[in-house]
Amino acid sequence: MGKLINILMGNSNNLDEKSYRSFDHSNSSLNQKPELNLQIAEVSSKSDMLNVEQSIRSGDILIMEINRLHDSLTKEELLTYISNAVSEINGDIVKRHENEYIITPSSISINRSKL
């Protein structure tokens, strides 16, 4: 229960793929292929940056995490590059935390007010 509280309250430092839960929809009418995908991208290199751009251009929704940048890639360079790609598709980008951004295609806008 403590792990769930940490996740809900924003302490996500210990999250890994084992923290995500998959649901079996095999006996459900939800078996159809989704129209949109939500991707979580950890960006640390220029190749990661290019993968993020490809996902943006394909219409995915992204949660982009910038933790440790390598390859002489600066945060400013990364954000300028990604912001230009988002702008070209009329998408939306919002900074969620210090190193976390939400990116959506043009069909989805991000409401900046909290519930």
PDB file of N, CA and C in Angstrom:
ATOM      1  N   MET A   1       0.825  -1.198   0.000  1.00  0.00           N
ATOM      2  CA  MET A   1       0.000   0.000   0.000  1.00  0.00           C
ATOM      3  C   MET A   1       0.865   1.256   0.000  1.00  0.00           C
ATOM      4  N   GLY A   2       2.001   1.207   0.681  1.00  0.00           N
ATOM      5  CA  GLY A   2       2.886   2.354   0.717  1.00  0.00           C
ATOM      6  C   GLY A   2       3.408   2.719  -0.664  1.00  0.00           C
ATOM      7  N   LYS A   3       3.671   1.702  -1.500  1.00  0.00           N
ATOM      8  CA  LYS A   3       4.153   1.953  -2.858  1.00  0.00           C
ATOM      9  C   LYS A   3       3.083   2.673  -3.669  1.00  0.00           C
ATOM     10  N   LEU A   4       1.824   2.255  -3.521  1.00  0.00           N
ATOM     11  CA  LEU A   4       0.724   2.904  -4.233  1.00  0.00           C
ATOM     12  C   LEU A   4       0.585   4.353  -3.788  1.00  0.00           C
ATOM     13  N   ILE A   5       0.693   4.617  -2.503  1.00  0.00           N
ATOM     14  CA  ILE A   5       0.605   5.988  -1.995  1.00  0.00           C
ATOM     15  C   ILE A   5       1.723   6.833  -2.581  1.00  0.00           C
ATOM     16  N   ASN A   6       2.950   6.289  -2.631  1.00  0.00           N
ATOM     17  CA  ASN A   6       4.074   7.026  -3.209  1.00  0.00           C
ATOM     18  C   ASN A   6       3.828   7.353  -4.672  1.00  0.00           C
ATOM     19  N   ILE A   7       3.282   6.414  -5.419  1.00  0.00           N
ATOM     20  CA  ILE A   7       2.993   6.649  -6.833  1.00  0.00           C
ATOM     21  C   ILE A   7       1.938   7.735  -6.978  1.00  0.00           C
ATOM     22  N   LEU A   8       0.860   7.631  -6.210  1.00  0.00           N
ATOM     23  CA  LEU A   8      -0.239   8.599  -6.310  1.00  0.00           C
ATOM     24  C   LEU A   8       0.170   9.982  -5.833  1.00  0.00           C
ATOM     25  N   MET A   9       1.054  10.036  -4.864  1.00  0.00           N
ATOM     26  CA  MET A   9       1.454  11.325  -4.315  1.00  0.00           C
ATOM     27  C   MET A   9       2.638  11.935  -5.065  1.00  0.00           C
ATOM     28  N   GLY A  10       3.132  11.248  -6.097  1.00  0.00           N
ATOM     29  CA  GLY A  10       4.150  11.848  -6.927  1.00  0.00           C
ATOM     30  C   GLY A  10       5.568  11.374  -6.702  1.00  0.00           C
ATOM     31  N   ASN A  11       5.784  10.457  -5.797  1.00  0.00           N
ATOM     32  CA  ASN A  11       7.130   9.940  -5.585  1.00  0.00           C
ATOM     33  C   ASN A  11       7.326   8.746  -6.516  1.00  0.00           C
ATOM     34  N   SER A  12       7.661   9.033  -7.767  1.00  0.00           N
ATOM     35  CA  SER A  12       7.755   7.981  -8.769  1.00  0.00           C
ATOM     36  C   SER A  12       9.196   7.578  -9.063  1.00  0.00           C
ATOM     37  N   ASN A  13      10.124   7.884  -8.173  1.00  0.00           N
ATOM     38  CA  ASN A  13      11.530   7.587  -8.412  1.00  0.00           C
ATOM     39  C   ASN A  13      11.798   6.096  -8.548  1.00  0.00           C
ATOM     40  N   ASN A  14      10.981   5.259  -7.926  1.00  0.00           N
ATOM     41  CA  ASN A  14      11.239   3.826  -7.924  1.00  0.00           C
ATOM     42  C   ASN A  14      10.377   3.068  -8.924  1.00  0.00           C
ATOM     43  N   LEU A  15       9.746   3.766  -9.873  1.00  0.00           N
ATOM     44  CA  LEU A  15       8.905   3.091 -10.848  1.00  0.00           C
ATOM     45  C   LEU A  15       9.756   2.388 -11.890  1.00  0.00           C
ATOM     46  N   ASP A  16       9.355   1.200 -12.258  1.00  0.00           N
ATOM     47  CA  ASP A  16       9.949   0.503 -13.380  1.00  0.00           C
ATOM     48  C   ASP A  16       8.825  -0.246 -14.082  1.00  0.00           C
ATOM     49  N   GLU A  17       9.159  -1.007 -15.097  1.00  0.00           N
ATOM     50  CA  GLU A  17       8.125  -1.690 -15.864  1.00  0.00           C
ATOM     51  C   GLU A  17       7.332  -2.668 -15.012  1.00  0.00           C
ATOM     52  N   LYS A  18       7.902  -3.183 -13.947  1.00  0.00           N
ATOM     53  CA  LYS A  18       7.191  -4.110 -13.070  1.00  0.00           C
ATOM     54  C   LYS A  18       6.084  -3.391 -12.286  1.00  0.00           C
ATOM     55  N   SER A  19       6.165  -2.055 -12.207  1.00  0.00           N
ATOM     56  CA  SER A  19       5.179  -1.284 -11.459  1.00  0.00           C
ATOM     57  C   SER A  19       3.871  -1.118 -12.228  1.00  0.00           C
ATOM     58  N   TYR A  20       3.904  -1.357 -13.541  1.00  0.00           N
ATOM     59  CA  TYR A  20       2.713  -1.183 -14.347  1.00  0.00           C
ATOM     60  C   TYR A  20       1.881  -2.454 -14.325  1.00  0.00           C
ATOM     61  N   ARG A  21       0.605  -2.293 -14.340  1.00  0.00           N
ATOM     62  CA  ARG A  21      -0.295  -3.432 -14.294  1.00  0.00           C
ATOM     63  C   ARG A  21      -0.965  -3.592 -15.636  1.00  0.00           C
ATOM     64  N   SER A  22      -0.983  -4.786 -16.162  1.00  0.00           N
ATOM     65  CA  SER A  22      -1.665  -5.077 -17.418  1.00  0.00           C
ATOM     66  C   SER A  22      -3.009  -5.730 -17.111  1.00  0.00           C
ATOM     67  N   PHE A  23      -3.991  -5.405 -17.919  1.00  0.00           N
ATOM     68  CA  PHE A  23      -5.316  -5.966 -17.752  1.00  0.00           C
ATOM     69  C   PHE A  23      -5.611  -6.909 -18.921  1.00  0.00           C
ATOM     70  N   ASP A  24      -6.237  -8.022 -18.648  1.00  0.00           N
ATOM     71  CA  ASP A  24      -6.599  -8.988 -19.686  1.00  0.00           C
ATOM     72  C   ASP A  24      -7.979  -8.619 -20.217  1.00  0.00           C
ATOM     73  N   HIS A  25      -8.015  -8.174 -21.465  1.00  0.00           N
ATOM     74  CA  HIS A  25      -9.275  -7.801 -22.099  1.00  0.00           C
ATOM     75  C   HIS A  25      -9.688  -8.824 -23.156  1.00  0.00           C
ATOM     76  N   SER A  26      -9.187 -10.041 -23.062  1.00  0.00           N
ATOM     77  CA  SER A  26      -9.431 -11.034 -24.100  1.00  0.00           C
ATOM     78  C   SER A  26     -10.909 -11.419 -24.214  1.00  0.00           C
ATOM     79  N   ASN A  27     -11.656 -11.340 -23.144  1.00  0.00           N
ATOM     80  CA  ASN A  27     -13.085 -11.667 -23.188  1.00  0.00           C
ATOM     81  C   ASN A  27     -13.937 -10.421 -23.225  1.00  0.00           C
ATOM     82  N   SER A  28     -13.393  -9.341 -23.723  1.00  0.00           N
ATOM     83  CA  SER A  28     -14.063  -8.051 -23.686  1.00  0.00           C
ATOM     84  C   SER A  28     -14.296  -7.533 -25.089  1.00  0.00           C
ATOM     85  N   SER A  29     -15.213  -6.604 -25.204  1.00  0.00           N
ATOM     86  CA  SER A  29     -15.443  -5.943 -26.486  1.00  0.00           C
ATOM     87  C   SER A  29     -14.363  -4.911 -26.753  1.00  0.00           C
ATOM     88  N   LEU A  30     -13.409  -4.782 -25.831  1.00  0.00           N
ATOM     89  CA  LEU A  30     -12.315  -3.823 -25.983  1.00  0.00           C
ATOM     90  C   LEU A  30     -11.150  -4.399 -26.783  1.00  0.00           C
ATOM     91  N   ASN A  31     -11.364  -5.516 -27.474  1.00  0.00           N
ATOM     92  CA  ASN A  31     -10.300  -6.169 -28.217  1.00  0.00           C
ATOM     93  C   ASN A  31      -9.873  -5.425 -29.470  1.00  0.00           C
ATOM     94  N   GLN A  32     -10.589  -4.390 -29.843  1.00  0.00           N
ATOM     95  CA  GLN A  32     -10.209  -3.656 -31.038  1.00  0.00           C
ATOM     96  C   GLN A  32      -8.943  -2.842 -30.809  1.00  0.00           C
ATOM     97  N   LYS A  33      -8.233  -2.588 -31.899  1.00  0.00           N
ATOM     98  CA  LYS A  33      -6.979  -1.842 -31.805  1.00  0.00           C
ATOM     99  C   LYS A  33      -7.275  -0.391 -31.439  1.00  0.00           C
ATOM    100  N   PRO A  34      -6.556   0.158 -30.452  1.00  0.00           N
ATOM    101  CA  PRO A  34      -6.803   1.550 -30.059  1.00  0.00           C
ATOM    102  C   PRO A  34      -6.380   2.520 -31.161  1.00  0.00           C
ATOM    103  N   GLU A  35      -7.069   3.656 -31.217  1.00  0.00           N
ATOM    104  CA  GLU A  35      -6.739   4.676 -32.210  1.00  0.00           C
ATOM    105  C   GLU A  35      -5.497   5.468 -31.813  1.00  0.00           C
ATOM    106  N   LEU A  36      -5.285   5.651 -30.519  1.00  0.00           N
ATOM    107  CA  LEU A  36      -4.138   6.394 -30.009  1.00  0.00           C
ATOM    108  C   LEU A  36      -3.354   5.529 -29.037  1.00  0.00           C
ATOM    109  N   ASN A  37      -2.063   5.788 -28.970  1.00  0.00           N
ATOM    110  CA  ASN A  37      -1.215   5.121 -27.993  1.00  0.00           C
ATOM    111  C   ASN A  37      -0.645   6.167 -27.048  1.00  0.00           C
ATOM    112  N   LEU A  38      -0.493   5.786 -25.797  1.00  0.00           N
ATOM    113  CA  LEU A  38       0.198   6.608 -24.810  1.00  0.00           C
ATOM    114  C   LEU A  38       1.553   5.973 -24.590  1.00  0.00           C
ATOM    115  N   GLN A  39       2.597   6.732 -24.884  1.00  0.00           N
ATOM    116  CA  GLN A  39       3.962   6.246 -24.742  1.00  0.00           C
ATOM    117  C   GLN A  39       4.641   6.979 -23.590  1.00  0.00           C
ATOM    118  N   ILE A  40       5.474   6.269 -22.865  1.00  0.00           N
ATOM    119  CA  ILE A  40       6.324   6.890 -21.856  1.00  0.00           C
ATOM    120  C   ILE A  40       7.736   6.804 -22.395  1.00  0.00           C
ATOM    121  N   ALA A  41       8.366   7.953 -22.576  1.00  0.00           N
ATOM    122  CA  ALA A  41       9.687   8.000 -23.190  1.00  0.00           C
ATOM    123  C   ALA A  41      10.696   8.589 -22.225  1.00  0.00           C
ATOM    124  N   GLU A  42      11.760   7.855 -21.973  1.00  0.00           N
ATOM    125  CA  GLU A  42      12.885   8.371 -21.198  1.00  0.00           C
ATOM    126  C   GLU A  42      13.935   8.831 -22.197  1.00  0.00           C
ATOM    127  N   VAL A  43      14.226  10.114 -22.200  1.00  0.00           N
ATOM    128  CA  VAL A  43      15.156  10.676 -23.169  1.00  0.00           C
ATOM    129  C   VAL A  43      16.489  10.953 -22.490  1.00  0.00           C
ATOM    130  N   SER A  44      17.546  10.378 -23.050  1.00  0.00           N
ATOM    131  CA  SER A  44      18.883  10.644 -22.527  1.00  0.00           C
ATOM    132  C   SER A  44      19.897  10.880 -23.643  1.00  0.00           C
ATOM    133  N   SER A  45      19.510  10.603 -24.894  1.00  0.00           N
ATOM    134  CA  SER A  45      20.456  10.743 -26.001  1.00  0.00           C
ATOM    135  C   SER A  45      19.755  11.298 -27.243  1.00  0.00           C
ATOM    136  N   LYS A  46      20.547  11.610 -28.252  1.00  0.00           N
ATOM    137  CA  LYS A  46      19.984  12.121 -29.503  1.00  0.00           C
ATOM    138  C   LYS A  46      19.136  11.069 -30.205  1.00  0.00           C
ATOM    139  N   SER A  47      19.505   9.809 -30.096  1.00  0.00           N
ATOM    140  CA  SER A  47      18.683   8.760 -30.710  1.00  0.00           C
ATOM    141  C   SER A  47      17.323   8.656 -30.022  1.00  0.00           C
ATOM    142  N   ASP A  48      17.295   8.837 -28.697  1.00  0.00           N
ATOM    143  CA  ASP A  48      16.013   8.871 -27.979  1.00  0.00           C
ATOM    144  C   ASP A  48      15.177  10.050 -28.469  1.00  0.00           C
ATOM    145  N   MET A  49      15.831  11.181 -28.692  1.00  0.00           N
ATOM    146  CA  MET A  49      15.155  12.382 -29.164  1.00  0.00           C
ATOM    147  C   MET A  49      14.499  12.117 -30.525  1.00  0.00           C
ATOM    148  N   LEU A  50      15.185  11.413 -31.404  1.00  0.00           N
ATOM    149  CA  LEU A  50      14.631  11.095 -32.720  1.00  0.00           C
ATOM    150  C   LEU A  50      13.467  10.119 -32.614  1.00  0.00           C
ATOM    151  N   ASN A  51      13.542   9.175 -31.673  1.00  0.00           N
ATOM    152  CA  ASN A  51      12.416   8.254 -31.436  1.00  0.00           C
ATOM    153  C   ASN A  51      11.191   9.002 -30.936  1.00  0.00           C
ATOM    154  N   VAL A  52      11.402   9.992 -30.066  1.00  0.00           N
ATOM    155  CA  VAL A  52      10.298  10.812 -29.562  1.00  0.00           C
ATOM    156  C   VAL A  52       9.668  11.584 -30.717  1.00  0.00           C
ATOM    157  N   GLU A  53      10.503  12.156 -31.569  1.00  0.00           N
ATOM    158  CA  GLU A  53       9.963  12.894 -32.714  1.00  0.00           C
ATOM    159  C   GLU A  53       9.122  11.980 -33.603  1.00  0.00           C
ATOM    160  N   GLN A  54       9.590  10.770 -33.847  1.00  0.00           N
ATOM    161  CA  GLN A  54       8.848   9.825 -34.677  1.00  0.00           C
ATOM    162  C   GLN A  54       7.490   9.501 -34.045  1.00  0.00           C
ATOM    163  N   SER A  55       7.449   9.308 -32.736  1.00  0.00           N
ATOM    164  CA  SER A  55       6.190   9.035 -32.041  1.00  0.00           C
ATOM    165  C   SER A  55       5.251  10.227 -32.121  1.00  0.00           C
ATOM    166  N   ILE A  56       5.811  11.434 -31.984  1.00  0.00           N
ATOM    167  CA  ILE A  56       4.998  12.653 -32.090  1.00  0.00           C
ATOM    168  C   ILE A  56       4.349  12.718 -33.469  1.00  0.00           C
ATOM    169  N   ARG A  57       5.145  12.498 -34.493  1.00  0.00           N
ATOM    170  CA  ARG A  57       4.656  12.598 -35.872  1.00  0.00           C
ATOM    171  C   ARG A  57       3.667  11.492 -36.217  1.00  0.00           C
ATOM    172  N   SER A  58       3.727  10.362 -35.522  1.00  0.00           N
ATOM    173  CA  SER A  58       2.778   9.278 -35.775  1.00  0.00           C
ATOM    174  C   SER A  58       1.470   9.470 -35.014  1.00  0.00           C
ATOM    175  N   GLY A  59       1.399  10.511 -34.175  1.00  0.00           N
ATOM    176  CA  GLY A  59       0.146  10.826 -33.494  1.00  0.00           C
ATOM    177  C   GLY A  59      -0.006  10.255 -32.108  1.00  0.00           C
ATOM    178  N   ASP A  60       1.068   9.750 -31.531  1.00  0.00           N
ATOM    179  CA  ASP A  60       0.995   9.207 -30.172  1.00  0.00           C
ATOM    180  C   ASP A  60       0.930  10.319 -29.130  1.00  0.00           C
ATOM    181  N   ILE A  61       0.410   9.978 -27.976  1.00  0.00           N
ATOM    182  CA  ILE A  61       0.477  10.837 -26.797  1.00  0.00           C
ATOM    183  C   ILE A  61       1.716  10.385 -26.033  1.00  0.00           C
ATOM    184  N   LEU A  62       2.510  11.340 -25.563  1.00  0.00           N
ATOM    185  CA  LEU A  62       3.763  10.987 -24.904  1.00  0.00           C
ATOM    186  C   LEU A  62       3.887  11.624 -23.535  1.00  0.00           C
ATOM    187  N   ILE A  63       4.461  10.879 -22.628  1.00  0.00           N
ATOM    188  CA  ILE A  63       4.980  11.432 -21.385  1.00  0.00           C
ATOM    189  C   ILE A  63       6.488  11.301 -21.524  1.00  0.00           C
ATOM    190  N   MET A  64       7.153  12.437 -21.661  1.00  0.00           N
ATOM    191  CA  MET A  64       8.590  12.453 -21.912  1.00  0.00           C
ATOM    192  C   MET A  64       9.324  12.804 -20.624  1.00  0.00           C
ATOM    193  N   GLU A  65      10.212  11.914 -20.225  1.00  0.00           N
ATOM    194  CA  GLU A  65      11.024  12.120 -19.028  1.00  0.00           C
ATOM    195  C   GLU A  65      12.451  12.417 -19.450  1.00  0.00           C
ATOM    196  N   ILE A  66      13.004  13.501 -18.912  1.00  0.00           N
ATOM    197  CA  ILE A  66      14.388  13.874 -19.186  1.00  0.00           C
ATOM    198  C   ILE A  66      15.148  13.702 -17.878  1.00  0.00           C
ATOM    199  N   ASN A  67      15.925  12.652 -17.781  1.00  0.00           N
ATOM    200  CA  ASN A  67      16.636  12.395 -16.530  1.00  0.00           C
ATOM    201  C   ASN A  67      18.127  12.663 -16.641  1.00  0.00           C
ATOM    202  N   ARG A  68      18.824  11.885 -17.426  1.00  0.00           N
ATOM    203  CA  ARG A  68      20.262  12.046 -17.578  1.00  0.00           C
ATOM    204  C   ARG A  68      20.575  12.150 -19.066  1.00  0.00           C
ATOM    205  N   LEU A  69      20.974  13.320 -19.514  1.00  0.00           N
ATOM    206  CA  LEU A  69      21.273  13.522 -20.927  1.00  0.00           C
ATOM    207  C   LEU A  69      22.731  13.153 -21.222  1.00  0.00           C
ATOM    208  N   HIS A  70      22.931  12.463 -22.344  1.00  0.00           N
ATOM    209  CA  HIS A  70      24.260  12.058 -22.803  1.00  0.00           C
ATOM    210  C   HIS A  70      24.493  12.636 -24.198  1.00  0.00           C
ATOM    211  N   ASP A  71      25.579  12.240 -24.815  1.00  0.00           N
ATOM    212  CA  ASP A  71      25.899  12.617 -26.205  1.00  0.00           C
ATOM    213  C   ASP A  71      25.959  14.122 -26.401  1.00  0.00           C
ATOM    214  N   SER A  72      26.389  14.856 -25.435  1.00  0.00           N
ATOM    215  CA  SER A  72      26.477  16.318 -25.499  1.00  0.00           C
ATOM    216  C   SER A  72      25.148  16.971 -25.862  1.00  0.00           C
ATOM    217  N   LEU A  73      24.059  16.308 -25.552  1.00  0.00           N
ATOM    218  CA  LEU A  73      22.717  16.851 -25.781  1.00  0.00           C
ATOM    219  C   LEU A  73      22.320  17.688 -24.572  1.00  0.00           C
ATOM    220  N   THR A  74      21.988  18.952 -24.804  1.00  0.00           N
ATOM    221  CA  THR A  74      21.557  19.809 -23.694  1.00  0.00           C
ATOM    222  C   THR A  74      20.039  19.794 -23.601  1.00  0.00           C
ATOM    223  N   LYS A  75      19.545  20.114 -22.435  1.00  0.00           N
ATOM    224  CA  LYS A  75      18.099  20.164 -22.225  1.00  0.00           C
ATOM    225  C   LYS A  75      17.463  21.206 -23.147  1.00  0.00           C
ATOM    226  N   GLU A  76      18.116  22.337 -23.318  1.00  0.00           N
ATOM    227  CA  GLU A  76      17.590  23.396 -24.183  1.00  0.00           C
ATOM    228  C   GLU A  76      17.513  22.927 -25.633  1.00  0.00           C
ATOM    229  N   GLU A  77      18.554  22.236 -26.092  1.00  0.00           N
ATOM    230  CA  GLU A  77      18.573  21.719 -27.461  1.00  0.00           C
ATOM    231  C   GLU A  77      17.447  20.699 -27.660  1.00  0.00           C
ATOM    232  N   LEU A  78      17.291  19.805 -26.716  1.00  0.00           N
ATOM    233  CA  LEU A  78      16.236  18.798 -26.781  1.00  0.00           C
ATOM    234  C   LEU A  78      14.863  19.448 -26.830  1.00  0.00           C
ATOM    235  N   LEU A  79      14.602  20.375 -25.906  1.00  0.00           N
ATOM    236  CA  LEU A  79      13.276  20.994 -25.838  1.00  0.00           C
ATOM    237  C   LEU A  79      12.976  21.840 -27.072  1.00  0.00           C
ATOM    238  N   THR A  80      13.988  22.503 -27.621  1.00  0.00           N
ATOM    239  CA  THR A  80      13.780  23.269 -28.850  1.00  0.00           C
ATOM    240  C   THR A  80      13.414  22.337 -29.995  1.00  0.00           C
ATOM    241  N   TYR A  81      14.142  21.244 -30.136  1.00  0.00           N
ATOM    242  CA  TYR A  81      13.896  20.278 -31.202  1.00  0.00           C
ATOM    243  C   TYR A  81      12.500  19.670 -31.080  1.00  0.00           C
ATOM    244  N   ILE A  82      12.154  19.219 -29.882  1.00  0.00           N
ATOM    245  CA  ILE A  82      10.847  18.587 -29.661  1.00  0.00           C
ATOM    246  C   ILE A  82       9.725  19.612 -29.814  1.00  0.00           C
ATOM    247  N   SER A  83       9.913  20.816 -29.298  1.00  0.00           N
ATOM    248  CA  SER A  83       8.891  21.861 -29.435  1.00  0.00           C
ATOM    249  C   SER A  83       8.629  22.192 -30.900  1.00  0.00           C
ATOM    250  N   ASN A  84       9.674  22.210 -31.719  1.00  0.00           N
ATOM    251  CA  ASN A  84       9.495  22.455 -33.148  1.00  0.00           C
ATOM    252  C   ASN A  84       8.690  21.339 -33.808  1.00  0.00           C
ATOM    253  N   ALA A  85       8.975  20.096 -33.439  1.00  0.00           N
ATOM    254  CA  ALA A  85       8.222  18.966 -33.989  1.00  0.00           C
ATOM    255  C   ALA A  85       6.759  19.036 -33.568  1.00  0.00           C
ATOM    256  N   VAL A  86       6.504  19.379 -32.312  1.00  0.00           N
ATOM    257  CA  VAL A  86       5.127  19.511 -31.816  1.00  0.00           C
ATOM    258  C   VAL A  86       4.417  20.647 -32.546  1.00  0.00           C
ATOM    259  N   SER A  87       5.103  21.743 -32.745  1.00  0.00           N
ATOM    260  CA  SER A  87       4.524  22.891 -33.442  1.00  0.00           C
ATOM    261  C   SER A  87       4.161  22.549 -34.886  1.00  0.00           C
ATOM    262  N   GLU A  88       5.008  21.792 -35.565  1.00  0.00           N
ATOM    263  CA  GLU A  88       4.768  21.422 -36.957  1.00  0.00           C
ATOM    264  C   GLU A  88       3.510  20.582 -37.136  1.00  0.00           C
ATOM    265  N   ILE A  89       3.135  19.810 -36.123  1.00  0.00           N
ATOM    266  CA  ILE A  89       1.918  19.002 -36.230  1.00  0.00           C
ATOM    267  C   ILE A  89       0.736  19.650 -35.497  1.00  0.00           C
ATOM    268  N   ASN A  90       0.925  20.894 -35.041  1.00  0.00           N
ATOM    269  CA  ASN A  90      -0.102  21.613 -34.267  1.00  0.00           C
ATOM    270  C   ASN A  90      -0.491  20.855 -33.013  1.00  0.00           C
ATOM    271  N   GLY A  91       0.483  20.203 -32.402  1.00  0.00           N
ATOM    272  CA  GLY A  91       0.243  19.467 -31.171  1.00  0.00           C
ATOM    273  C   GLY A  91       0.343  20.377 -29.958  1.00  0.00           C
ATOM    274  N   ASP A  92       0.419  19.770 -28.797  1.00  0.00           N
ATOM    275  CA  ASP A  92       0.469  20.516 -27.545  1.00  0.00           C
ATOM    276  C   ASP A  92       1.541  19.892 -26.659  1.00  0.00           C
ATOM    277  N   ILE A  93       2.230  20.718 -25.893  1.00  0.00           N
ATOM    278  CA  ILE A  93       3.249  20.243 -24.965  1.00  0.00           C
ATOM    279  C   ILE A  93       3.144  21.049 -23.676  1.00  0.00           C
ATOM    280  N   VAL A  94       3.204  20.348 -22.550  1.00  0.00           N
ATOM    281  CA  VAL A  94       3.101  20.984 -21.235  1.00  0.00           C
ATOM    282  C   VAL A  94       4.144  20.364 -20.314  1.00  0.00           C
ATOM    283  N   LYS A  95       4.813  21.222 -19.567  1.00  0.00           N
ATOM    284  CA  LYS A  95       5.752  20.757 -18.547  1.00  0.00           C
ATOM    285  C   LYS A  95       4.952  20.329 -17.334  1.00  0.00           C
ATOM    286  N   ARG A  96       5.110  19.070 -16.914  1.00  0.00           N
ATOM    287  CA  ARG A  96       4.371  18.553 -15.766  1.00  0.00           C
ATOM    288  C   ARG A  96       5.191  18.691 -14.485  1.00  0.00           C
ATOM    289  N   HIS A  97       6.429  18.274 -14.524  1.00  0.00           N
ATOM    290  CA  HIS A  97       7.379  18.401 -13.417  1.00  0.00           C
ATOM    291  C   HIS A  97       8.676  18.946 -13.985  1.00  0.00           C
ATOM    292  N   GLU A  98       9.674  19.083 -13.150  1.00  0.00           N
ATOM    293  CA  GLU A  98      10.953  19.642 -13.591  1.00  0.00           C
ATOM    294  C   GLU A  98      11.493  18.946 -14.838  1.00  0.00           C
ATOM    295  N   ASN A  99      11.404  17.629 -14.890  1.00  0.00           N
ATOM    296  CA  ASN A  99      11.965  16.881 -16.014  1.00  0.00           C
ATOM    297  C   ASN A  99      10.939  16.000 -16.705  1.00  0.00           C
ATOM    298  N   GLU A 100       9.664  16.402 -16.672  1.00  0.00           N
ATOM    299  CA  GLU A 100       8.620  15.587 -17.283  1.00  0.00           C
ATOM    300  C   GLU A 100       7.685  16.474 -18.096  1.00  0.00           C
ATOM    301  N   TYR A 101       7.419  16.047 -19.330  1.00  0.00           N
ATOM    302  CA  TYR A 101       6.582  16.805 -20.249  1.00  0.00           C
ATOM    303  C   TYR A 101       5.512  15.890 -20.820  1.00  0.00           C
ATOM    304  N   ILE A 102       4.332  16.442 -21.068  1.00  0.00           N
ATOM    305  CA  ILE A 102       3.246  15.720 -21.717  1.00  0.00           C
ATOM    306  C   ILE A 102       3.097  16.316 -23.110  1.00  0.00           C
ATOM    307  N   ILE A 103       3.049  15.443 -24.119  1.00  0.00           N
ATOM    308  CA  ILE A 103       2.961  15.867 -25.509  1.00  0.00           C
ATOM    309  C   ILE A 103       1.761  15.174 -26.143  1.00  0.00           C
ATOM    310  N   THR A 104       0.926  15.946 -26.837  1.00  0.00           N
ATOM    311  CA  THR A 104      -0.254  15.381 -27.484  1.00  0.00           C
ATOM    312  C   THR A 104      -0.320  15.808 -28.951  1.00  0.00           C
ATOM    313  N   PRO A 105      -1.009  15.007 -29.780  1.00  0.00           N
ATOM    314  CA  PRO A 105      -1.211  15.408 -31.178  1.00  0.00           C
ATOM    315  C   PRO A 105      -2.255  16.516 -31.270  1.00  0.00           C
ATOM    316  N   SER A 106      -2.477  17.021 -32.486  1.00  0.00           N
ATOM    317  CA  SER A 106      -3.383  18.156 -32.664  1.00  0.00           C
ATOM    318  C   SER A 106      -4.824  17.841 -32.266  1.00  0.00           C
ATOM    319  N   SER A 107      -5.211  16.590 -32.279  1.00  0.00           N
ATOM    320  CA  SER A 107      -6.593  16.223 -31.947  1.00  0.00           C
ATOM    321  C   SER A 107      -6.880  16.258 -30.454  1.00  0.00           C
ATOM    322  N   ILE A 108      -5.839  16.449 -29.644  1.00  0.00           N
ATOM    323  CA  ILE A 108      -6.014  16.454 -28.179  1.00  0.00           C
ATOM    324  C   ILE A 108      -5.308  17.673 -27.611  1.00  0.00           C
ATOM    325  N   SER A 109      -6.047  18.481 -26.867  1.00  0.00           N
ATOM    326  CA  SER A 109      -5.419  19.614 -26.190  1.00  0.00           C
ATOM    327  C   SER A 109      -5.251  19.276 -24.714  1.00  0.00           C
ATOM    328  N   ILE A 110      -4.298  19.917 -24.097  1.00  0.00           N
ATOM    329  CA  ILE A 110      -4.011  19.682 -22.683  1.00  0.00           C
ATOM    330  C   ILE A 110      -4.590  20.843 -21.885  1.00  0.00           C
ATOM    331  N   ASN A 111      -5.507  20.539 -20.974  1.00  0.00           N
ATOM    332  CA  ASN A 111      -6.093  21.550 -20.107  1.00  0.00           C
ATOM    333  C   ASN A 111      -5.070  21.883 -19.029  1.00  0.00           C
ATOM    334  N   ARG A 112      -4.719  23.149 -18.923  1.00  0.00           N
ATOM    335  CA  ARG A 112      -3.681  23.545 -17.984  1.00  0.00           C
ATOM    336  C   ARG A 112      -4.191  23.791 -16.557  1.00  0.00           C
ATOM    337  N   SER A 113      -5.469  23.726 -16.344  1.00  0.00           N
ATOM    338  CA  SER A 113      -6.002  23.904 -14.991  1.00  0.00           C
ATOM    339  C   SER A 113      -6.174  22.528 -14.345  1.00  0.00           C
ATOM    340  N   LYS A 114      -5.889  22.459 -13.068  1.00  0.00           N
ATOM    341  CA  LYS A 114      -5.983  21.186 -12.336  1.00  0.00           C
ATOM    342  C   LYS A 114      -7.410  20.998 -11.836  1.00  0.00           C
ATOM    343  N   LEU A 115      -7.789  19.754 -11.683  1.00  0.00           N
ATOM    344  CA  LEU A 115      -9.109  19.419 -11.139  1.00  0.00           C
ATOM    345  C   LEU A 115      -9.145  19.678  -9.653  1.00  0.00           C
TER     346      LEU A 115
END
